[in-house]
Structures are given as C-alpha cells and as structure tokens.
Amino acid sequence: SGPLFTHQLSHMWIDFRGIRDEFMRHHDSDYFQ
C-alpha cells in the first residue's frame, strides 16, 4: 500500500506482533512486520 499512513492507523490500537490471519500465515509474516 503506497501511503505510509495506511500501514499505521490500524496499529495505533491493535498490537499485530505475532498474530496472523490466513493471508499472513500463508506468507509467514504479520501486519507489524
């Protein structure tokens, strides 16, 4: 996603470290990384 804010605003409230949905499990990553 191009604009940097799109990678940040959900993270103001949610700690995505180490939690994964199906998409991130498939790519062996998480939204924080």
PDB file of all heavy atoms in Angstrom:
ATOM      1  N   SER A   1       0.885  -1.164   0.000  1.00  0.00           N
ATOM      2  CA  SER A   1       0.000   0.000   0.000  1.00  0.00           C
ATOM      3  C   SER A   1       0.920   1.210   0.000  1.00  0.00           C
ATOM      4  O   SER A   1       1.867   1.268   0.792  1.00  0.00           O
ATOM      5  CB  SER A   1      -0.926   0.008   1.219  1.00  0.00           C
ATOM      6  OG  SER A   1      -1.779   1.138   1.182  1.00  0.00           O
ATOM      7  N   GLY A   2       0.680   2.170  -0.887  1.00  0.00           N
ATOM      8  CA  GLY A   2       1.641   3.245  -1.109  1.00  0.00           C
ATOM      9  C   GLY A   2       1.795   4.259   0.009  1.00  0.00           C
ATOM     10  O   GLY A   2       2.897   4.498   0.505  1.00  0.00           O
ATOM     11  N   PRO A   3       0.703   4.909   0.457  1.00  0.00           N
ATOM     12  CA  PRO A   3       0.842   5.920   1.515  1.00  0.00           C
ATOM     13  C   PRO A   3       1.202   5.273   2.845  1.00  0.00           C
ATOM     14  O   PRO A   3       0.600   4.266   3.242  1.00  0.00           O
ATOM     15  CB  PRO A   3      -0.548   6.566   1.570  1.00  0.00           C
ATOM     16  CG  PRO A   3      -1.205   6.211   0.267  1.00  0.00           C
ATOM     17  CD  PRO A   3      -0.651   4.874  -0.100  1.00  0.00           C
ATOM     18  N   LEU A   4       2.152   5.851   3.566  1.00  0.00           N
ATOM     19  CA  LEU A   4       2.638   5.216   4.783  1.00  0.00           C
ATOM     20  C   LEU A   4       1.568   5.163   5.880  1.00  0.00           C
ATOM     21  O   LEU A   4       1.559   4.239   6.690  1.00  0.00           O
ATOM     22  CB  LEU A   4       3.888   5.938   5.291  1.00  0.00           C
ATOM     23  CG  LEU A   4       4.685   5.253   6.398  1.00  0.00           C
ATOM     24  CD1 LEU A   4       5.011   3.804   6.066  1.00  0.00           C
ATOM     25  CD2 LEU A   4       5.965   6.032   6.697  1.00  0.00           C
ATOM     26  N   PHE A   5       0.648   6.125   5.911  1.00  0.00           N
ATOM     27  CA  PHE A   5      -0.363   6.111   6.969  1.00  0.00           C
ATOM     28  C   PHE A   5      -1.219   4.858   6.928  1.00  0.00           C
ATOM     29  O   PHE A   5      -1.731   4.416   7.972  1.00  0.00           O
ATOM     30  CB  PHE A   5      -1.245   7.365   6.891  1.00  0.00           C
ATOM     31  CG  PHE A   5      -2.404   7.278   5.927  1.00  0.00           C
ATOM     32  CD1 PHE A   5      -3.663   6.883   6.352  1.00  0.00           C
ATOM     33  CD2 PHE A   5      -2.238   7.590   4.580  1.00  0.00           C
ATOM     34  CE1 PHE A   5      -4.729   6.803   5.467  1.00  0.00           C
ATOM     35  CE2 PHE A   5      -3.304   7.517   3.690  1.00  0.00           C
ATOM     36  CZ  PHE A   5      -4.549   7.115   4.136  1.00  0.00           C
ATOM     37  N   THR A   6      -1.398   4.262   5.752  1.00  0.00           N
ATOM     38  CA  THR A   6      -2.232   3.069   5.649  1.00  0.00           C
ATOM     39  C   THR A   6      -1.618   1.891   6.394  1.00  0.00           C
ATOM     40  O   THR A   6      -2.321   0.941   6.748  1.00  0.00           O
ATOM     41  CB  THR A   6      -2.476   2.679   4.178  1.00  0.00           C
ATOM     42  OG1 THR A   6      -1.220   2.417   3.542  1.00  0.00           O
ATOM     43  CG2 THR A   6      -3.196   3.785   3.428  1.00  0.00           C
ATOM     44  N   HIS A   7      -0.309   1.949   6.622  1.00  0.00           N
ATOM     45  CA  HIS A   7       0.393   0.906   7.365  1.00  0.00           C
ATOM     46  C   HIS A   7       0.450   1.193   8.859  1.00  0.00           C
ATOM     47  O   HIS A   7       1.096   0.441   9.599  1.00  0.00           O
ATOM     48  CB  HIS A   7       1.819   0.754   6.828  1.00  0.00           C
ATOM     49  CG  HIS A   7       1.901   0.292   5.411  1.00  0.00           C
ATOM     50  ND1 HIS A   7       1.840  -1.038   5.062  1.00  0.00           N
ATOM     51  CD2 HIS A   7       2.028   0.991   4.245  1.00  0.00           C
ATOM     52  CE1 HIS A   7       1.943  -1.147   3.740  1.00  0.00           C
ATOM     53  NE2 HIS A   7       2.053   0.062   3.220  1.00  0.00           N
ATOM     54  N   GLN A   8      -0.189   2.287   9.294  1.00  0.00           N
ATOM     55  CA  GLN A   8      -0.028   2.727  10.682  1.00  0.00           C
ATOM     56  C   GLN A   8      -1.332   2.841  11.468  1.00  0.00           C
ATOM     57  O   GLN A   8      -1.374   2.512  12.651  1.00  0.00           O
ATOM     58  CB  GLN A   8       0.658   4.110  10.701  1.00  0.00           C
ATOM     59  CG  GLN A   8       2.043   4.103  10.103  1.00  0.00           C
ATOM     60  CD  GLN A   8       2.583   5.510   9.914  1.00  0.00           C
ATOM     61  OE1 GLN A   8       1.829   6.479   9.856  1.00  0.00           O
ATOM     62  NE2 GLN A   8       3.897   5.633   9.810  1.00  0.00           N
ATOM     63  N   LEU A   9      -2.408   3.351  10.837  1.00  0.00           N
ATOM     64  CA  LEU A   9      -3.556   3.784  11.619  1.00  0.00           C
ATOM     65  C   LEU A   9      -4.249   2.651  12.360  1.00  0.00           C
ATOM     66  O   LEU A   9      -4.677   2.824  13.505  1.00  0.00           O
ATOM     67  CB  LEU A   9      -4.549   4.553  10.737  1.00  0.00           C
ATOM     68  CG  LEU A   9      -4.013   5.850  10.116  1.00  0.00           C
ATOM     69  CD1 LEU A   9      -5.147   6.667   9.524  1.00  0.00           C
ATOM     70  CD2 LEU A   9      -3.228   6.692  11.121  1.00  0.00           C
ATOM     71  N   SER A  10      -4.372   1.478  11.750  1.00  0.00           N
ATOM     72  CA  SER A  10      -4.946   0.344  12.486  1.00  0.00           C
ATOM     73  C   SER A  10      -4.055  -0.051  13.654  1.00  0.00           C
ATOM     74  O   SER A  10      -4.545  -0.505  14.704  1.00  0.00           O
ATOM     75  CB  SER A  10      -5.136  -0.853  11.553  1.00  0.00           C
ATOM     76  OG  SER A  10      -5.995  -0.538  10.474  1.00  0.00           O
ATOM     77  N   HIS A  11      -2.752   0.153  13.496  1.00  0.00           N
ATOM     78  CA  HIS A  11      -1.775  -0.254  14.505  1.00  0.00           C
ATOM     79  C   HIS A  11      -1.757   0.684  15.705  1.00  0.00           C
ATOM     80  O   HIS A  11      -1.128   0.358  16.716  1.00  0.00           O
ATOM     81  CB  HIS A  11      -0.376  -0.295  13.882  1.00  0.00           C
ATOM     82  CG  HIS A  11      -0.223  -1.301  12.792  1.00  0.00           C
ATOM     83  ND1 HIS A  11       0.475  -2.483  12.945  1.00  0.00           N
ATOM     84  CD2 HIS A  11      -0.672  -1.303  11.512  1.00  0.00           C
ATOM     85  CE1 HIS A  11       0.454  -3.172  11.815  1.00  0.00           C
ATOM     86  NE2 HIS A  11      -0.244  -2.469  10.926  1.00  0.00           N
ATOM     87  N   MET A  12      -2.406   1.826  15.615  1.00  0.00           N
ATOM     88  CA  MET A  12      -2.478   2.699  16.785  1.00  0.00           C
ATOM     89  C   MET A  12      -3.202   1.982  17.919  1.00  0.00           C
ATOM     90  O   MET A  12      -2.907   2.197  19.084  1.00  0.00           O
ATOM     91  CB  MET A  12      -3.188   4.005  16.441  1.00  0.00           C
ATOM     92  CG  MET A  12      -2.440   4.853  15.431  1.00  0.00           C
ATOM     93  SD  MET A  12      -3.054   6.544  15.301  1.00  0.00           S
ATOM     94  CE  MET A  12      -4.742   6.300  14.768  1.00  0.00           C
ATOM     95  N   TRP A  13      -4.161   1.128  17.572  1.00  0.00           N
ATOM     96  CA  TRP A  13      -4.972   0.456  18.578  1.00  0.00           C
ATOM     97  C   TRP A  13      -4.653  -1.025  18.728  1.00  0.00           C
ATOM     98  O   TRP A  13      -4.854  -1.588  19.806  1.00  0.00           O
ATOM     99  CB  TRP A  13      -6.456   0.606  18.221  1.00  0.00           C
ATOM    100  CG  TRP A  13      -6.983   1.973  18.472  1.00  0.00           C
ATOM    101  CD1 TRP A  13      -7.368   2.491  19.678  1.00  0.00           C
ATOM    102  CD2 TRP A  13      -7.203   3.012  17.504  1.00  0.00           C
ATOM    103  NE1 TRP A  13      -7.809   3.790  19.506  1.00  0.00           N
ATOM    104  CE2 TRP A  13      -7.719   4.133  18.191  1.00  0.00           C
ATOM    105  CE3 TRP A  13      -7.018   3.110  16.131  1.00  0.00           C
ATOM    106  CZ2 TRP A  13      -8.051   5.331  17.563  1.00  0.00           C
ATOM    107  CZ3 TRP A  13      -7.343   4.303  15.493  1.00  0.00           C
ATOM    108  CH2 TRP A  13      -7.854   5.401  16.195  1.00  0.00           C
ATOM    109  N   ILE A  14      -4.201  -1.668  17.671  1.00  0.00           N
ATOM    110  CA  ILE A  14      -4.056  -3.128  17.705  1.00  0.00           C
ATOM    111  C   ILE A  14      -2.590  -3.524  17.594  1.00  0.00           C
ATOM    112  O   ILE A  14      -1.881  -3.080  16.685  1.00  0.00           O
ATOM    113  CB  ILE A  14      -4.866  -3.777  16.566  1.00  0.00           C
ATOM    114  CG1 ILE A  14      -6.345  -3.384  16.670  1.00  0.00           C
ATOM    115  CG2 ILE A  14      -4.714  -5.296  16.605  1.00  0.00           C
ATOM    116  CD1 ILE A  14      -7.187  -3.845  15.494  1.00  0.00           C
ATOM    117  N   ASP A  15      -2.161  -4.358  18.519  1.00  0.00           N
ATOM    118  CA  ASP A  15      -0.808  -4.907  18.508  1.00  0.00           C
ATOM    119  C   ASP A  15      -0.809  -6.144  17.619  1.00  0.00           C
ATOM    120  O   ASP A  15      -1.251  -7.220  18.017  1.00  0.00           O
ATOM    121  CB  ASP A  15      -0.393  -5.259  19.940  1.00  0.00           C
ATOM    122  CG  ASP A  15       1.023  -5.802  20.025  1.00  0.00           C
ATOM    123  OD1 ASP A  15       1.705  -5.865  18.981  1.00  0.00           O
ATOM    124  OD2 ASP A  15       1.442  -6.173  21.138  1.00  0.00           O
ATOM    125  N   PHE A  16      -0.302  -5.966  16.399  1.00  0.00           N
ATOM    126  CA  PHE A  16      -0.319  -7.063  15.427  1.00  0.00           C
ATOM    127  C   PHE A  16       0.928  -7.948  15.503  1.00  0.00           C
ATOM    128  O   PHE A  16       1.093  -8.844  14.674  1.00  0.00           O
ATOM    129  CB  PHE A  16      -0.452  -6.497  14.008  1.00  0.00           C
ATOM    130  CG  PHE A  16      -1.838  -6.019  13.662  1.00  0.00           C
ATOM    131  CD1 PHE A  16      -2.147  -4.669  13.673  1.00  0.00           C
ATOM    132  CD2 PHE A  16      -2.835  -6.918  13.331  1.00  0.00           C
ATOM    133  CE1 PHE A  16      -3.415  -4.211  13.340  1.00  0.00           C
ATOM    134  CE2 PHE A  16      -4.110  -6.490  13.012  1.00  0.00           C
ATOM    135  CZ  PHE A  16      -4.402  -5.126  13.017  1.00  0.00           C
ATOM    136  N   ARG A  17       1.798  -7.699  16.476  1.00  0.00           N
ATOM    137  CA  ARG A  17       3.001  -8.520  16.591  1.00  0.00           C
ATOM    138  C   ARG A  17       2.631  -9.964  16.930  1.00  0.00           C
ATOM    139  O   ARG A  17       2.012 -10.232  17.944  1.00  0.00           O
ATOM    140  CB  ARG A  17       3.928  -7.954  17.668  1.00  0.00           C
ATOM    141  CG  ARG A  17       4.538  -6.608  17.324  1.00  0.00           C
ATOM    142  CD  ARG A  17       5.343  -6.040  18.474  1.00  0.00           C
ATOM    143  NE  ARG A  17       4.488  -5.791  19.639  1.00  0.00           N
ATOM    144  CZ  ARG A  17       4.929  -5.291  20.789  1.00  0.00           C
ATOM    145  NH1 ARG A  17       6.223  -5.005  20.933  1.00  0.00           N
ATOM    146  NH2 ARG A  17       4.095  -5.081  21.795  1.00  0.00           N
ATOM    147  N   GLY A  18       2.986 -10.864  16.039  1.00  0.00           N
ATOM    148  CA  GLY A  18       2.825 -12.286  16.325  1.00  0.00           C
ATOM    149  C   GLY A  18       1.445 -12.853  16.112  1.00  0.00           C
ATOM    150  O   GLY A  18       1.235 -14.054  16.306  1.00  0.00           O
ATOM    151  N   ILE A  19       0.469 -12.015  15.734  1.00  0.00           N
ATOM    152  CA  ILE A  19      -0.868 -12.555  15.423  1.00  0.00           C
ATOM    153  C   ILE A  19      -1.050 -12.505  13.903  1.00  0.00           C
ATOM    154  O   ILE A  19      -0.618 -11.563  13.250  1.00  0.00           O
ATOM    155  CB  ILE A  19      -1.997 -11.815  16.164  1.00  0.00           C
ATOM    156  CG1 ILE A  19      -2.108 -10.352  15.719  1.00  0.00           C
ATOM    157  CG2 ILE A  19      -1.770 -11.891  17.678  1.00  0.00           C
ATOM    158  CD1 ILE A  19      -3.326  -9.633  16.270  1.00  0.00           C
ATOM    159  N   ARG A  20      -1.698 -13.525  13.371  1.00  0.00           N
ATOM    160  CA  ARG A  20      -1.775 -13.652  11.908  1.00  0.00           C
ATOM    161  C   ARG A  20      -3.164 -14.083  11.473  1.00  0.00           C
ATOM    162  O   ARG A  20      -3.785 -14.937  12.111  1.00  0.00           O
ATOM    163  CB  ARG A  20      -0.770 -14.696  11.409  1.00  0.00           C
ATOM    164  CG  ARG A  20       0.687 -14.398  11.715  1.00  0.00           C
ATOM    165  CD  ARG A  20       1.564 -15.544  11.255  1.00  0.00           C
ATOM    166  NE  ARG A  20       2.985 -15.241  11.394  1.00  0.00           N
ATOM    167  CZ  ARG A  20       3.960 -16.032  10.984  1.00  0.00           C
ATOM    168  NH1 ARG A  20       3.656 -17.213  10.406  1.00  0.00           N
ATOM    169  NH2 ARG A  20       5.216 -15.691  11.122  1.00  0.00           N
ATOM    170  N   ASP A  21      -3.623 -13.511  10.362  1.00  0.00           N
ATOM    171  CA  ASP A  21      -4.814 -14.027   9.698  1.00  0.00           C
ATOM    172  C   ASP A  21      -4.357 -15.031   8.639  1.00  0.00           C
ATOM    173  O   ASP A  21      -3.166 -15.334   8.517  1.00  0.00           O
ATOM    174  CB  ASP A  21      -5.644 -12.884   9.108  1.00  0.00           C
ATOM    175  CG  ASP A  21      -4.888 -12.063   8.076  1.00  0.00           C
ATOM    176  OD1 ASP A  21      -3.743 -12.431   7.705  1.00  0.00           O
ATOM    177  OD2 ASP A  21      -5.436 -11.030   7.627  1.00  0.00           O
ATOM    178  N   GLU A  22      -5.305 -15.548   7.880  1.00  0.00           N
ATOM    179  CA  GLU A  22      -4.959 -16.581   6.897  1.00  0.00           C
ATOM    180  C   GLU A  22      -3.946 -16.071   5.874  1.00  0.00           C
ATOM    181  O   GLU A  22      -3.012 -16.783   5.494  1.00  0.00           O
ATOM    182  CB  GLU A  22      -6.229 -17.058   6.188  1.00  0.00           C
ATOM    183  CG  GLU A  22      -5.981 -18.164   5.172  1.00  0.00           C
ATOM    184  CD  GLU A  22      -7.254 -18.630   4.489  1.00  0.00           C
ATOM    185  OE1 GLU A  22      -8.345 -18.200   4.902  1.00  0.00           O
ATOM    186  OE2 GLU A  22      -7.145 -19.414   3.528  1.00  0.00           O
ATOM    187  N   PHE A  23      -4.121 -14.822   5.425  1.00  0.00           N
ATOM    188  CA  PHE A  23      -3.211 -14.270   4.427  1.00  0.00           C
ATOM    189  C   PHE A  23      -1.790 -14.207   4.969  1.00  0.00           C
ATOM    190  O   PHE A  23      -0.832 -14.611   4.289  1.00  0.00           O
ATOM    191  CB  PHE A  23      -3.673 -12.876   4.001  1.00  0.00           C
ATOM    192  CG  PHE A  23      -2.828 -12.260   2.928  1.00  0.00           C
ATOM    193  CD1 PHE A  23      -3.121 -12.453   1.586  1.00  0.00           C
ATOM    194  CD2 PHE A  23      -1.708 -11.489   3.254  1.00  0.00           C
ATOM    195  CE1 PHE A  23      -2.318 -11.885   0.593  1.00  0.00           C
ATOM    196  CE2 PHE A  23      -0.911 -10.925   2.280  1.00  0.00           C
ATOM    197  CZ  PHE A  23      -1.216 -11.118   0.940  1.00  0.00           C
ATOM    198  N   MET A  24      -1.630 -13.692   6.182  1.00  0.00           N
ATOM    199  CA  MET A  24      -0.289 -13.546   6.745  1.00  0.00           C
ATOM    200  C   MET A  24       0.325 -14.891   7.120  1.00  0.00           C
ATOM    201  O   MET A  24       1.542 -15.066   7.028  1.00  0.00           O
ATOM    202  CB  MET A  24      -0.322 -12.595   7.937  1.00  0.00           C
ATOM    203  CG  MET A  24      -0.423 -11.135   7.533  1.00  0.00           C
ATOM    204  SD  MET A  24       1.003 -10.621   6.509  1.00  0.00           S
ATOM    205  CE  MET A  24       0.611  -8.893   6.232  1.00  0.00           C
ATOM    206  N   ARG A  25      -0.496 -15.846   7.528  1.00  0.00           N
ATOM    207  CA  ARG A  25       0.040 -17.196   7.772  1.00  0.00           C
ATOM    208  C   ARG A  25       0.604 -17.769   6.486  1.00  0.00           C
ATOM    209  O   ARG A  25       1.675 -18.407   6.491  1.00  0.00           O
ATOM    210  CB  ARG A  25      -1.049 -18.108   8.342  1.00  0.00           C
ATOM    211  CG  ARG A  25      -1.367 -17.880   9.804  1.00  0.00           C
ATOM    212  CD  ARG A  25      -2.233 -18.991  10.386  1.00  0.00           C
ATOM    213  NE  ARG A  25      -3.574 -18.987   9.820  1.00  0.00           N
ATOM    214  CZ  ARG A  25      -4.591 -18.274  10.298  1.00  0.00           C
ATOM    215  NH1 ARG A  25      -4.423 -17.502  11.344  1.00  0.00           N
ATOM    216  NH2 ARG A  25      -5.791 -18.341   9.734  1.00  0.00           N
ATOM    217  N   HIS A  26      -0.098 -17.551   5.381  1.00  0.00           N
ATOM    218  CA  HIS A  26       0.361 -18.063   4.090  1.00  0.00           C
ATOM    219  C   HIS A  26       1.698 -17.459   3.696  1.00  0.00           C
ATOM    220  O   HIS A  26       2.538 -18.131   3.067  1.00  0.00           O
ATOM    221  CB  HIS A  26      -0.688 -17.767   3.020  1.00  0.00           C
ATOM    222  CG  HIS A  26      -0.298 -18.191   1.641  1.00  0.00           C
ATOM    223  ND1 HIS A  26      -0.271 -19.514   1.240  1.00  0.00           N
ATOM    224  CD2 HIS A  26       0.093 -17.454   0.551  1.00  0.00           C
ATOM    225  CE1 HIS A  26       0.124 -19.584  -0.018  1.00  0.00           C
ATOM    226  NE2 HIS A  26       0.344 -18.353  -0.463  1.00  0.00           N
ATOM    227  N   HIS A  27       1.928 -16.187   4.063  1.00  0.00           N
ATOM    228  CA  HIS A  27       3.171 -15.503   3.691  1.00  0.00           C
ATOM    229  C   HIS A  27       4.195 -15.468   4.822  1.00  0.00           C
ATOM    230  O   HIS A  27       5.224 -14.783   4.697  1.00  0.00           O
ATOM    231  CB  HIS A  27       2.849 -14.078   3.222  1.00  0.00           C
ATOM    232  CG  HIS A  27       2.139 -14.032   1.904  1.00  0.00           C
ATOM    233  ND1 HIS A  27       2.794 -14.169   0.697  1.00  0.00           N
ATOM    234  CD2 HIS A  27       0.824 -13.891   1.603  1.00  0.00           C
ATOM    235  CE1 HIS A  27       1.910 -14.097  -0.294  1.00  0.00           C
ATOM    236  NE2 HIS A  27       0.717 -13.931   0.226  1.00  0.00           N
ATOM    237  N   ASP A  28       3.927 -16.220   5.886  1.00  0.00           N
ATOM    238  CA  ASP A  28       4.852 -16.318   7.019  1.00  0.00           C
ATOM    239  C   ASP A  28       5.290 -14.928   7.511  1.00  0.00           C
ATOM    240  O   ASP A  28       6.476 -14.655   7.701  1.00  0.00           O
ATOM    241  CB  ASP A  28       6.089 -17.150   6.641  1.00  0.00           C
ATOM    242  CG  ASP A  28       6.907 -17.540   7.873  1.00  0.00           C
ATOM    243  OD1 ASP A  28       6.324 -17.597   8.973  1.00  0.00           O
ATOM    244  OD2 ASP A  28       8.121 -17.757   7.724  1.00  0.00           O
ATOM    245  N   SER A  29       4.305 -14.058   7.704  1.00  0.00           N
ATOM    246  CA  SER A  29       4.583 -12.697   8.170  1.00  0.00           C
ATOM    247  C   SER A  29       3.449 -12.271   9.101  1.00  0.00           C
ATOM    248  O   SER A  29       2.591 -13.078   9.470  1.00  0.00           O
ATOM    249  CB  SER A  29       4.692 -11.749   6.975  1.00  0.00           C
ATOM    250  OG  SER A  29       5.066 -10.437   7.384  1.00  0.00           O
ATOM    251  N   ASP A  30       3.475 -11.019   9.540  1.00  0.00           N
ATOM    252  CA  ASP A  30       2.341 -10.429  10.248  1.00  0.00           C
ATOM    253  C   ASP A  30       2.271  -8.956   9.862  1.00  0.00           C
ATOM    254  O   ASP A  30       3.172  -8.425   9.204  1.00  0.00           O
ATOM    255  CB  ASP A  30       2.429 -10.632  11.765  1.00  0.00           C
ATOM    256  CG  ASP A  30       3.666 -10.008  12.399  1.00  0.00           C
ATOM    257  OD1 ASP A  30       3.988  -8.843  12.082  1.00  0.00           O
ATOM    258  OD2 ASP A  30       4.300 -10.669  13.240  1.00  0.00           O
ATOM    259  N   TYR A  31       1.191  -8.282  10.259  1.00  0.00           N
ATOM    260  CA  TYR A  31       0.987  -6.909   9.808  1.00  0.00           C
ATOM    261  C   TYR A  31       1.996  -5.942  10.432  1.00  0.00           C
ATOM    262  O   TYR A  31       2.330  -4.912   9.828  1.00  0.00           O
ATOM    263  CB  TYR A  31      -0.444  -6.459  10.106  1.00  0.00           C
ATOM    264  CG  TYR A  31      -1.463  -7.125   9.213  1.00  0.00           C
ATOM    265  CD1 TYR A  31      -2.193  -8.229   9.655  1.00  0.00           C
ATOM    266  CD2 TYR A  31      -1.688  -6.673   7.921  1.00  0.00           C
ATOM    267  CE1 TYR A  31      -3.122  -8.850   8.839  1.00  0.00           C
ATOM    268  CE2 TYR A  31      -2.615  -7.296   7.088  1.00  0.00           C
ATOM    269  CZ  TYR A  31      -3.325  -8.379   7.555  1.00  0.00           C
ATOM    270  OH  TYR A  31      -4.238  -8.998   6.734  1.00  0.00           O
ATOM    271  N   PHE A  32       2.507  -6.258  11.604  1.00  0.00           N
ATOM    272  CA  PHE A  32       3.549  -5.416  12.208  1.00  0.00           C
ATOM    273  C   PHE A  32       4.835  -5.487  11.388  1.00  0.00           C
ATOM    274  O   PHE A  32       5.426  -4.455  11.037  1.00  0.00           O
ATOM    275  CB  PHE A  32       3.810  -5.859  13.649  1.00  0.00           C
ATOM    276  CG  PHE A  32       4.825  -5.012  14.369  1.00  0.00           C
ATOM    277  CD1 PHE A  32       4.423  -3.933  15.142  1.00  0.00           C
ATOM    278  CD2 PHE A  32       6.191  -5.290  14.285  1.00  0.00           C
ATOM    279  CE1 PHE A  32       5.352  -3.145  15.810  1.00  0.00           C
ATOM    280  CE2 PHE A  32       7.123  -4.516  14.946  1.00  0.00           C
ATOM    281  CZ  PHE A  32       6.707  -3.438  15.712  1.00  0.00           C
ATOM    282  N   GLN A  33       5.258  -6.707  11.071  1.00  0.00           N
ATOM    283  CA  GLN A  33       6.456  -6.872  10.251  1.00  0.00           C
ATOM    284  C   GLN A  33       6.255  -6.227   8.885  1.00  0.00           C
ATOM    285  O   GLN A  33       7.178  -5.626   8.312  1.00  0.00           O
ATOM    286  CB  GLN A  33       6.775  -8.361  10.089  1.00  0.00           C
ATOM    287  CG  GLN A  33       8.047  -8.658   9.301  1.00  0.00           C
ATOM    288  CD  GLN A  33       9.314  -8.214  10.025  1.00  0.00           C
ATOM    289  OE1 GLN A  33       9.307  -8.082  11.243  1.00  0.00           O
ATOM    290  NE2 GLN A  33      10.387  -7.980   9.282  1.00  0.00           N
TER     291      GLN A  33
END
